[in-house]
Amino acid sequence: MWIVQAALYGVLKGGRDVMKKIALTKSSKLEVLFFYTLLSFILVLPKTGEAVAIFNGQTVYLPLIFVKSAVIYVAWICSFYAIESLPIGFYGLMDMSRVVITSVLSIIIFGENLTLGKAIGMVLVIDGLVMLNVSNNSIGKGENIQVKYVALVLVSCLMNSCSEIFDKWFMQPERGIMPSQLQFWYLLFLTLMYFVHITIKHIKIDWKMIYKNYWLIILAVAFVIGDRALFNANRTGEVIPLTLLKQGAVIVTILGGKFVFGEKNTLFKILCAVVVVCGIVVGIV
């Protein structure tokens, strides 16, 4: 079951990345970030009863959930700047750098075994990324790739990898935390962080965008469903196979880049993605 849930998250994540880029053509980065997060929190409000139950002996976890939220706060800002400025297919491939970071962290923190299959899978994923970066067809020819935005993707990957480790730790049965509790509290903290950000920075946002830019609503729905599936998958699945499975998102971003934004070098990106998908299959079998 966890395999299906992780794969569902991957498909929805790829779709969200494409939709984020579309939403950014209608609203500013901070508008999308804030409204996307706010709407996601509104969608989980029906779980308030379960969420407040965390005060029955598990309050100690709230500061750590706040830290997870702060990590995501940084990750999303970096990723939104990158998504707005990079071809979405290229972004999707670069985002898979988190496979290596998350795998290393899971071995160190959870003591997961790096089997031969997992190792080969990681190597194939890395190969797919290297192919993308060294190819003259994808960098510097036909697409506007700036190093600073690639750096932002890598920072986002590092932060997201840390968040994924938090997710696995929180979802271990001995913690006694339900997926609905984690989702409620971290979305609440995240919404407040972005609200404070736009307030301190005196960033003007158009509140009408919350219903004018309907992509924000679709994004929020896809995010809440995908995140819940991921939290459930974390209860039984190991981090490395989970991380590999989630990279199926790259197929969606490459196809979205081609058919929605008319991006170039699609065949080469698909070749890179095939190498990565082979790595995913080898890593989870």
C-alpha atoms as a PDB file:
ATOM      1  CA  MET A   1       0.000   0.000   0.000  1.00  0.00           C
ATOM      2  CA  TRP A   2       2.828   2.410   0.817  1.00  0.00           C
ATOM      3  CA  ILE A   3       4.182   1.992  -2.718  1.00  0.00           C
ATOM      4  CA  VAL A   4       0.872   3.177  -4.218  1.00  0.00           C
ATOM      5  CA  GLN A   5       0.713   6.112  -1.773  1.00  0.00           C
ATOM      6  CA  ALA A   6       4.301   7.186  -2.512  1.00  0.00           C
ATOM      7  CA  ALA A   7       3.692   6.889  -6.264  1.00  0.00           C
ATOM      8  CA  LEU A   8       0.503   8.971  -5.904  1.00  0.00           C
ATOM      9  CA  TYR A   9       2.493  11.648  -4.087  1.00  0.00           C
ATOM     10  CA  GLY A  10       5.074  11.642  -6.899  1.00  0.00           C
ATOM     11  CA  VAL A  11       2.454  12.122  -9.624  1.00  0.00           C
ATOM     12  CA  LEU A  12       0.719  14.899  -7.695  1.00  0.00           C
ATOM     13  CA  LYS A  13       4.046  16.579  -6.918  1.00  0.00           C
ATOM     14  CA  GLY A  14       4.983  16.677 -10.590  1.00  0.00           C
ATOM     15  CA  GLY A  15       1.569  18.099 -11.416  1.00  0.00           C
ATOM     16  CA  ARG A  16       1.922  20.703  -8.665  1.00  0.00           C
ATOM     17  CA  ASP A  17       5.265  21.879 -10.006  1.00  0.00           C
ATOM     18  CA  VAL A  18       3.697  22.476 -13.412  1.00  0.00           C
ATOM     19  CA  MET A  19       0.698  24.219 -11.846  1.00  0.00           C
ATOM     20  CA  LYS A  20       2.975  26.401  -9.706  1.00  0.00           C
ATOM     21  CA  LYS A  21       4.660  27.713 -12.830  1.00  0.00           C
ATOM     22  CA  ILE A  22       1.256  28.444 -14.395  1.00  0.00           C
ATOM     23  CA  ALA A  23       0.047  30.150 -11.207  1.00  0.00           C
ATOM     24  CA  LEU A  24       3.184  32.309 -11.173  1.00  0.00           C
ATOM     25  CA  THR A  25       2.156  33.793 -14.528  1.00  0.00           C
ATOM     26  CA  LYS A  26      -0.952  35.207 -12.842  1.00  0.00           C
ATOM     27  CA  SER A  27       0.284  36.077  -9.333  1.00  0.00           C
ATOM     28  CA  SER A  28       3.542  37.044  -7.614  1.00  0.00           C
ATOM     29  CA  LYS A  29       5.710  34.452  -5.867  1.00  0.00           C
ATOM     30  CA  LEU A  30       4.668  35.521  -2.367  1.00  0.00           C
ATOM     31  CA  GLU A  31       0.996  35.650  -3.355  1.00  0.00           C
ATOM     32  CA  VAL A  32       1.149  32.093  -4.635  1.00  0.00           C
ATOM     33  CA  LEU A  33       3.122  30.898  -1.611  1.00  0.00           C
ATOM     34  CA  PHE A  34       0.855  32.533   0.937  1.00  0.00           C
ATOM     35  CA  PHE A  35      -2.525  31.754  -0.645  1.00  0.00           C
ATOM     36  CA  TYR A  36      -1.465  28.225  -1.606  1.00  0.00           C
ATOM     37  CA  THR A  37      -0.461  27.538   2.000  1.00  0.00           C
ATOM     38  CA  LEU A  38      -3.499  29.307   3.484  1.00  0.00           C
ATOM     39  CA  LEU A  39      -5.935  27.386   1.286  1.00  0.00           C
ATOM     40  CA  SER A  40      -4.188  24.105   2.157  1.00  0.00           C
ATOM     41  CA  PHE A  41      -4.590  24.903   5.862  1.00  0.00           C
ATOM     42  CA  ILE A  42      -8.273  25.748   5.373  1.00  0.00           C
ATOM     43  CA  LEU A  43      -8.765  22.336   3.755  1.00  0.00           C
ATOM     44  CA  VAL A  44      -7.436  20.535   6.858  1.00  0.00           C
ATOM     45  CA  LEU A  45      -9.502  22.581   9.338  1.00  0.00           C
ATOM     46  CA  PRO A  46     -12.114  19.763   9.590  1.00  0.00           C
ATOM     47  CA  LYS A  47      -9.362  17.786  11.355  1.00  0.00           C
ATOM     48  CA  THR A  48      -9.022  20.393  14.121  1.00  0.00           C
ATOM     49  CA  GLY A  49     -10.464  17.987  16.693  1.00  0.00           C
ATOM     50  CA  GLU A  50      -7.777  15.398  15.976  1.00  0.00           C
ATOM     51  CA  ALA A  51      -5.100  18.100  15.785  1.00  0.00           C
ATOM     52  CA  VAL A  52      -5.727  19.520  19.268  1.00  0.00           C
ATOM     53  CA  ALA A  53      -5.504  16.011  20.693  1.00  0.00           C
ATOM     54  CA  ILE A  54      -1.743  16.454  20.403  1.00  0.00           C
ATOM     55  CA  PHE A  55      -1.957  18.358  23.679  1.00  0.00           C
ATOM     56  CA  ASN A  56      -2.795  15.091  25.417  1.00  0.00           C
ATOM     57  CA  GLY A  57       0.800  14.180  26.181  1.00  0.00           C
ATOM     58  CA  GLN A  58       2.478  14.954  22.856  1.00  0.00           C
ATOM     59  CA  THR A  59       2.932  18.722  23.137  1.00  0.00           C
ATOM     60  CA  VAL A  60       6.685  18.134  23.221  1.00  0.00           C
ATOM     61  CA  TYR A  61       6.572  17.506  19.455  1.00  0.00           C
ATOM     62  CA  LEU A  62       5.131  20.917  18.564  1.00  0.00           C
ATOM     63  CA  PRO A  63       8.521  22.738  18.651  1.00  0.00           C
ATOM     64  CA  LEU A  64       9.936  20.103  16.292  1.00  0.00           C
ATOM     65  CA  ILE A  65       6.954  20.480  13.963  1.00  0.00           C
ATOM     66  CA  PHE A  66       7.659  24.218  14.022  1.00  0.00           C
ATOM     67  CA  VAL A  67      11.260  23.496  12.962  1.00  0.00           C
ATOM     68  CA  LYS A  68       9.986  21.313  10.110  1.00  0.00           C
ATOM     69  CA  SER A  69       7.738  24.187   9.048  1.00  0.00           C
ATOM     70  CA  ALA A  70      10.683  26.606   9.088  1.00  0.00           C
ATOM     71  CA  VAL A  71      12.663  24.201   6.907  1.00  0.00           C
ATOM     72  CA  ILE A  72       9.785  24.019   4.404  1.00  0.00           C
ATOM     73  CA  TYR A  73       9.394  27.810   4.565  1.00  0.00           C
ATOM     74  CA  VAL A  74      12.955  28.194   3.234  1.00  0.00           C
ATOM     75  CA  ALA A  75      12.642  25.309   0.771  1.00  0.00           C
ATOM     76  CA  TRP A  76       9.504  26.677  -0.864  1.00  0.00           C
ATOM     77  CA  ILE A  77      10.847  30.208  -1.248  1.00  0.00           C
ATOM     78  CA  CYS A  78      13.943  28.841  -2.991  1.00  0.00           C
ATOM     79  CA  SER A  79      11.925  26.482  -5.179  1.00  0.00           C
ATOM     80  CA  PHE A  80       9.435  29.151  -6.250  1.00  0.00           C
ATOM     81  CA  TYR A  81      12.204  31.473  -7.417  1.00  0.00           C
ATOM     82  CA  ALA A  82      13.703  28.553  -9.353  1.00  0.00           C
ATOM     83  CA  ILE A  83      10.387  27.374 -10.818  1.00  0.00           C
ATOM     84  CA  GLU A  84       9.581  30.875 -12.049  1.00  0.00           C
ATOM     85  CA  SER A  85      12.938  31.269 -13.813  1.00  0.00           C
ATOM     86  CA  LEU A  86      13.892  27.753 -14.982  1.00  0.00           C
ATOM     87  CA  PRO A  87      12.289  25.478 -17.584  1.00  0.00           C
ATOM     88  CA  ILE A  88      10.000  23.238 -15.542  1.00  0.00           C
ATOM     89  CA  GLY A  89      11.370  20.037 -17.110  1.00  0.00           C
ATOM     90  CA  PHE A  90      14.898  21.007 -16.113  1.00  0.00           C
ATOM     91  CA  TYR A  91      13.706  21.947 -12.624  1.00  0.00           C
ATOM     92  CA  GLY A  92      12.007  18.575 -12.222  1.00  0.00           C
ATOM     93  CA  LEU A  93      15.198  16.718 -13.057  1.00  0.00           C
ATOM     94  CA  MET A  94      17.382  18.881 -10.796  1.00  0.00           C
ATOM     95  CA  ASP A  95      14.890  18.442  -7.957  1.00  0.00           C
ATOM     96  CA  MET A  96      15.767  14.763  -7.905  1.00  0.00           C
ATOM     97  CA  SER A  97      19.081  15.672  -6.288  1.00  0.00           C
ATOM     98  CA  ARG A  98      17.207  15.176  -3.028  1.00  0.00           C
ATOM     99  CA  VAL A  99      17.407  11.411  -3.615  1.00  0.00           C
ATOM    100  CA  VAL A 100      21.090  11.367  -2.697  1.00  0.00           C
ATOM    101  CA  ILE A 101      20.762  13.770   0.242  1.00  0.00           C
ATOM    102  CA  THR A 102      17.747  12.008   1.757  1.00  0.00           C
ATOM    103  CA  SER A 103      19.286   8.562   1.298  1.00  0.00           C
ATOM    104  CA  VAL A 104      22.495   9.552   3.077  1.00  0.00           C
ATOM    105  CA  LEU A 105      20.542  11.128   5.941  1.00  0.00           C
ATOM    106  CA  SER A 106      18.308   8.055   6.308  1.00  0.00           C
ATOM    107  CA  ILE A 107      21.351   5.783   6.567  1.00  0.00           C
ATOM    108  CA  ILE A 108      22.945   8.025   9.212  1.00  0.00           C
ATOM    109  CA  ILE A 109      19.806   8.752  11.271  1.00  0.00           C
ATOM    110  CA  PHE A 110      17.639   5.635  10.877  1.00  0.00           C
ATOM    111  CA  GLY A 111      20.366   3.114  10.131  1.00  0.00           C
ATOM    112  CA  GLU A 112      18.705   1.954   6.920  1.00  0.00           C
ATOM    113  CA  ASN A 113      20.639  -0.676   5.021  1.00  0.00           C
ATOM    114  CA  LEU A 114      22.196   0.420   1.755  1.00  0.00           C
ATOM    115  CA  THR A 115      21.590  -2.773  -0.204  1.00  0.00           C
ATOM    116  CA  LEU A 116      23.153  -3.435  -3.591  1.00  0.00           C
ATOM    117  CA  GLY A 117      19.823  -2.690  -5.293  1.00  0.00           C
ATOM    118  CA  LYS A 118      19.418   0.634  -3.490  1.00  0.00           C
ATOM    119  CA  ALA A 119      23.022   1.571  -4.266  1.00  0.00           C
ATOM    120  CA  ILE A 120      22.617   0.776  -7.977  1.00  0.00           C
ATOM    121  CA  GLY A 121      19.338   2.710  -7.977  1.00  0.00           C
ATOM    122  CA  MET A 122      21.030   5.760  -6.470  1.00  0.00           C
ATOM    123  CA  VAL A 123      23.877   5.537  -9.002  1.00  0.00           C
ATOM    124  CA  LEU A 124      21.405   5.450 -11.896  1.00  0.00           C
ATOM    125  CA  VAL A 125      19.533   8.451 -10.491  1.00  0.00           C
ATOM    126  CA  ILE A 126      22.802  10.363 -10.150  1.00  0.00           C
ATOM    127  CA  ASP A 127      23.769   9.350 -13.698  1.00  0.00           C
ATOM    128  CA  GLY A 128      20.508  10.774 -15.016  1.00  0.00           C
ATOM    129  CA  LEU A 129      21.220  14.074 -13.282  1.00  0.00           C
ATOM    130  CA  VAL A 130      24.832  14.187 -14.486  1.00  0.00           C
ATOM    131  CA  MET A 131      23.711  13.517 -18.055  1.00  0.00           C
ATOM    132  CA  LEU A 132      21.381  16.488 -17.810  1.00  0.00           C
ATOM    133  CA  ASN A 133      24.004  18.829 -16.451  1.00  0.00           C
ATOM    134  CA  VAL A 134      26.908  17.987 -18.735  1.00  0.00           C
ATOM    135  CA  SER A 135      24.891  17.919 -21.933  1.00  0.00           C
ATOM    136  CA  ASN A 136      25.418  20.827 -24.271  1.00  0.00           C
ATOM    137  CA  ASN A 137      21.877  20.251 -25.461  1.00  0.00           C
ATOM    138  CA  SER A 138      20.284  21.161 -22.135  1.00  0.00           C
ATOM    139  CA  ILE A 139      22.512  23.880 -20.696  1.00  0.00           C
ATOM    140  CA  GLY A 140      23.390  27.011 -22.590  1.00  0.00           C
ATOM    141  CA  LYS A 141      21.668  26.045 -25.840  1.00  0.00           C
ATOM    142  CA  GLY A 142      18.050  26.924 -26.322  1.00  0.00           C
ATOM    143  CA  GLU A 143      17.131  27.249 -22.642  1.00  0.00           C
ATOM    144  CA  ASN A 144      17.810  30.023 -20.154  1.00  0.00           C
ATOM    145  CA  ILE A 145      19.651  28.234 -17.339  1.00  0.00           C
ATOM    146  CA  GLN A 146      21.314  30.476 -14.762  1.00  0.00           C
ATOM    147  CA  VAL A 147      23.632  29.062 -12.113  1.00  0.00           C
ATOM    148  CA  LYS A 148      22.002  31.035  -9.271  1.00  0.00           C
ATOM    149  CA  TYR A 149      18.671  29.333  -9.908  1.00  0.00           C
ATOM    150  CA  VAL A 150      20.314  25.912 -10.075  1.00  0.00           C
ATOM    151  CA  ALA A 151      21.852  26.757  -6.664  1.00  0.00           C
ATOM    152  CA  LEU A 152      18.390  27.625  -5.342  1.00  0.00           C
ATOM    153  CA  VAL A 153      17.088  24.237  -6.508  1.00  0.00           C
ATOM    154  CA  LEU A 154      19.914  22.521  -4.617  1.00  0.00           C
ATOM    155  CA  VAL A 155      19.194  24.511  -1.441  1.00  0.00           C
ATOM    156  CA  SER A 156      15.542  23.575  -1.803  1.00  0.00           C
ATOM    157  CA  CYS A 157      16.523  19.917  -2.218  1.00  0.00           C
ATOM    158  CA  LEU A 158      18.608  20.022   0.966  1.00  0.00           C
ATOM    159  CA  MET A 159      15.772  21.596   2.945  1.00  0.00           C
ATOM    160  CA  ASN A 160      13.181  19.197   1.520  1.00  0.00           C
ATOM    161  CA  SER A 161      15.417  16.245   2.357  1.00  0.00           C
ATOM    162  CA  CYS A 162      15.592  17.418   5.980  1.00  0.00           C
ATOM    163  CA  SER A 163      11.792  17.723   5.972  1.00  0.00           C
ATOM    164  CA  GLU A 164      11.451  14.181   4.627  1.00  0.00           C
ATOM    165  CA  ILE A 165      13.592  12.896   7.494  1.00  0.00           C
ATOM    166  CA  PHE A 166      11.350  14.793   9.932  1.00  0.00           C
ATOM    167  CA  ASP A 167       8.294  13.184   8.310  1.00  0.00           C
ATOM    168  CA  LYS A 168       9.659   9.678   8.780  1.00  0.00           C
ATOM    169  CA  TRP A 169      10.641  10.400  12.376  1.00  0.00           C
ATOM    170  CA  PHE A 170       7.244  11.891  13.243  1.00  0.00           C
ATOM    171  CA  MET A 171       5.340   9.035  11.598  1.00  0.00           C
ATOM    172  CA  GLN A 172       7.091   6.264  13.500  1.00  0.00           C
ATOM    173  CA  PRO A 173       4.367   4.450  15.516  1.00  0.00           C
ATOM    174  CA  GLU A 174       6.094   5.013  18.848  1.00  0.00           C
ATOM    175  CA  ARG A 175       5.661   8.806  18.476  1.00  0.00           C
ATOM    176  CA  GLY A 176       1.875   8.430  18.538  1.00  0.00           C
ATOM    177  CA  ILE A 177       1.374  11.295  16.054  1.00  0.00           C
ATOM    178  CA  MET A 178      -1.384  10.954  13.460  1.00  0.00           C
ATOM    179  CA  PRO A 179      -0.851  12.180   9.874  1.00  0.00           C
ATOM    180  CA  SER A 180      -3.756  14.613  10.309  1.00  0.00           C
ATOM    181  CA  GLN A 181      -2.050  16.158  13.360  1.00  0.00           C
ATOM    182  CA  LEU A 182       1.272  16.666  11.621  1.00  0.00           C
ATOM    183  CA  GLN A 183      -0.431  18.113   8.532  1.00  0.00           C
ATOM    184  CA  PHE A 184      -2.602  20.508  10.547  1.00  0.00           C
ATOM    185  CA  TRP A 185       0.128  21.950  12.751  1.00  0.00           C
ATOM    186  CA  TYR A 186       2.840  22.339  10.169  1.00  0.00           C
ATOM    187  CA  LEU A 187       0.446  24.017   7.730  1.00  0.00           C
ATOM    188  CA  LEU A 188      -0.693  26.364  10.503  1.00  0.00           C
ATOM    189  CA  PHE A 189       2.908  27.291  11.352  1.00  0.00           C
ATOM    190  CA  LEU A 190       3.796  27.628   7.668  1.00  0.00           C
ATOM    191  CA  THR A 191       0.834  29.909   6.956  1.00  0.00           C
ATOM    192  CA  LEU A 192       1.791  32.132   9.882  1.00  0.00           C
ATOM    193  CA  MET A 193       5.413  32.276   8.695  1.00  0.00           C
ATOM    194  CA  TYR A 194       4.444  33.491   5.231  1.00  0.00           C
ATOM    195  CA  PHE A 195       1.980  35.975   6.729  1.00  0.00           C
ATOM    196  CA  VAL A 196       4.717  37.391   8.973  1.00  0.00           C
ATOM    197  CA  HIS A 197       7.065  37.471   5.967  1.00  0.00           C
ATOM    198  CA  ILE A 198       4.752  39.574   3.802  1.00  0.00           C
ATOM    199  CA  THR A 199       3.889  41.795   6.782  1.00  0.00           C
ATOM    200  CA  ILE A 200       7.496  42.549   7.774  1.00  0.00           C
ATOM    201  CA  LYS A 201       8.579  43.007   4.160  1.00  0.00           C
ATOM    202  CA  HIS A 202       5.529  45.226   3.468  1.00  0.00           C
ATOM    203  CA  ILE A 203       4.733  43.089   0.445  1.00  0.00           C
ATOM    204  CA  LYS A 204       1.457  44.030  -1.174  1.00  0.00           C
ATOM    205  CA  ILE A 205      -0.750  41.141  -2.147  1.00  0.00           C
ATOM    206  CA  ASP A 206      -4.050  41.136  -3.991  1.00  0.00           C
ATOM    207  CA  TRP A 207      -6.546  39.263  -1.817  1.00  0.00           C
ATOM    208  CA  LYS A 208      -8.810  38.851  -4.829  1.00  0.00           C
ATOM    209  CA  MET A 209      -6.218  36.443  -6.236  1.00  0.00           C
ATOM    210  CA  ILE A 210      -7.423  33.840  -3.784  1.00  0.00           C
ATOM    211  CA  TYR A 211     -10.357  33.229  -6.128  1.00  0.00           C
ATOM    212  CA  LYS A 212      -9.150  34.912  -9.348  1.00  0.00           C
ATOM    213  CA  ASN A 213      -6.198  32.565  -9.740  1.00  0.00           C
ATOM    214  CA  TYR A 214      -8.058  29.241  -9.571  1.00  0.00           C
ATOM    215  CA  TRP A 215      -4.779  27.331  -9.905  1.00  0.00           C
ATOM    216  CA  LEU A 216      -4.172  28.165  -6.235  1.00  0.00           C
ATOM    217  CA  ILE A 217      -7.228  26.128  -5.240  1.00  0.00           C
ATOM    218  CA  ILE A 218      -6.216  23.175  -7.416  1.00  0.00           C
ATOM    219  CA  LEU A 219      -2.686  23.353  -6.011  1.00  0.00           C
ATOM    220  CA  ALA A 220      -3.979  23.292  -2.438  1.00  0.00           C
ATOM    221  CA  VAL A 221      -6.227  20.270  -3.059  1.00  0.00           C
ATOM    222  CA  ALA A 222      -3.409  18.321  -4.780  1.00  0.00           C
ATOM    223  CA  PHE A 223      -1.001  19.246  -1.986  1.00  0.00           C
ATOM    224  CA  VAL A 224      -3.255  18.135   0.880  1.00  0.00           C
ATOM    225  CA  ILE A 225      -4.077  14.816  -0.813  1.00  0.00           C
ATOM    226  CA  GLY A 226      -0.455  14.140  -1.750  1.00  0.00           C
ATOM    227  CA  ASP A 227       0.950  15.053   1.641  1.00  0.00           C
ATOM    228  CA  ARG A 228      -1.556  12.851   3.467  1.00  0.00           C
ATOM    229  CA  ALA A 229      -0.629   9.926   1.208  1.00  0.00           C
ATOM    230  CA  LEU A 230       3.062  10.576   1.878  1.00  0.00           C
ATOM    231  CA  PHE A 231       2.621  10.692   5.656  1.00  0.00           C
ATOM    232  CA  ASN A 232       0.710   7.402   5.560  1.00  0.00           C
ATOM    233  CA  ALA A 233       3.404   5.824   3.386  1.00  0.00           C
ATOM    234  CA  ASN A 234       6.051   6.899   5.881  1.00  0.00           C
ATOM    235  CA  ARG A 235       4.468   4.711   8.542  1.00  0.00           C
ATOM    236  CA  THR A 236       5.571   1.483   6.845  1.00  0.00           C
ATOM    237  CA  GLY A 237       7.914   2.325   3.956  1.00  0.00           C
ATOM    238  CA  GLU A 238      11.653   2.882   4.299  1.00  0.00           C
ATOM    239  CA  VAL A 239      13.009   6.313   3.437  1.00  0.00           C
ATOM    240  CA  ILE A 240      15.266   5.345   0.514  1.00  0.00           C
ATOM    241  CA  PRO A 241      12.616   3.420  -1.513  1.00  0.00           C
ATOM    242  CA  LEU A 242      10.080   6.135  -0.674  1.00  0.00           C
ATOM    243  CA  THR A 243      12.428   8.828  -1.914  1.00  0.00           C
ATOM    244  CA  LEU A 244      13.167   6.930  -5.115  1.00  0.00           C
ATOM    245  CA  LEU A 245       9.462   6.362  -5.813  1.00  0.00           C
ATOM    246  CA  LYS A 246       8.588  10.026  -5.371  1.00  0.00           C
ATOM    247  CA  GLN A 247      10.935  10.931  -8.203  1.00  0.00           C
ATOM    248  CA  GLY A 248       8.346   9.680 -10.660  1.00  0.00           C
ATOM    249  CA  ALA A 249       7.264  13.331 -10.518  1.00  0.00           C
ATOM    250  CA  VAL A 250       9.918  14.104 -13.119  1.00  0.00           C
ATOM    251  CA  ILE A 251       7.897  12.439 -15.892  1.00  0.00           C
ATOM    252  CA  VAL A 252       4.982  14.777 -15.199  1.00  0.00           C
ATOM    253  CA  THR A 253       7.182  17.898 -15.116  1.00  0.00           C
ATOM    254  CA  ILE A 254       8.941  17.009 -18.375  1.00  0.00           C
ATOM    255  CA  LEU A 255       5.665  16.347 -20.176  1.00  0.00           C
ATOM    256  CA  GLY A 256       4.165  19.485 -18.641  1.00  0.00           C
ATOM    257  CA  GLY A 257       7.143  21.485 -19.828  1.00  0.00           C
ATOM    258  CA  LYS A 258       6.686  20.179 -23.354  1.00  0.00           C
ATOM    259  CA  PHE A 259       2.921  20.423 -23.774  1.00  0.00           C
ATOM    260  CA  VAL A 260       2.113  23.377 -21.500  1.00  0.00           C
ATOM    261  CA  PHE A 261       5.149  25.620 -21.946  1.00  0.00           C
ATOM    262  CA  GLY A 262       6.577  24.376 -25.253  1.00  0.00           C
ATOM    263  CA  GLU A 263      10.001  23.692 -23.734  1.00  0.00           C
ATOM    264  CA  LYS A 264      12.828  22.259 -25.823  1.00  0.00           C
ATOM    265  CA  ASN A 265      15.158  19.262 -25.497  1.00  0.00           C
ATOM    266  CA  THR A 266      12.243  17.065 -24.390  1.00  0.00           C
ATOM    267  CA  LEU A 267      13.621  13.853 -25.895  1.00  0.00           C
ATOM    268  CA  PHE A 268      16.934  14.257 -24.103  1.00  0.00           C
ATOM    269  CA  LYS A 269      15.174  15.037 -20.821  1.00  0.00           C
ATOM    270  CA  ILE A 270      13.026  11.930 -21.253  1.00  0.00           C
ATOM    271  CA  LEU A 271      16.214   9.904 -21.798  1.00  0.00           C
ATOM    272  CA  CYS A 272      17.586  11.290 -18.526  1.00  0.00           C
ATOM    273  CA  ALA A 273      14.270  10.521 -16.853  1.00  0.00           C
ATOM    274  CA  VAL A 274      14.316   6.917 -18.163  1.00  0.00           C
ATOM    275  CA  VAL A 275      17.716   6.413 -16.549  1.00  0.00           C
ATOM    276  CA  VAL A 276      16.344   7.846 -13.309  1.00  0.00           C
ATOM    277  CA  VAL A 277      13.194   5.695 -13.434  1.00  0.00           C
ATOM    278  CA  CYS A 278      15.346   2.606 -13.993  1.00  0.00           C
ATOM    279  CA  GLY A 279      17.167   3.602 -10.831  1.00  0.00           C
ATOM    280  CA  ILE A 280      13.855   3.880  -8.986  1.00  0.00           C
ATOM    281  CA  VAL A 281      12.748   0.415 -10.106  1.00  0.00           C
ATOM    282  CA  VAL A 282      16.065  -1.204  -9.187  1.00  0.00           C
ATOM    283  CA  GLY A 283      16.085   0.604  -5.838  1.00  0.00           C
ATOM    284  CA  ILE A 284      12.669  -0.599  -4.666  1.00  0.00           C
ATOM    285  CA  VAL A 285      12.597  -4.132  -6.089  1.00  0.00           C
END
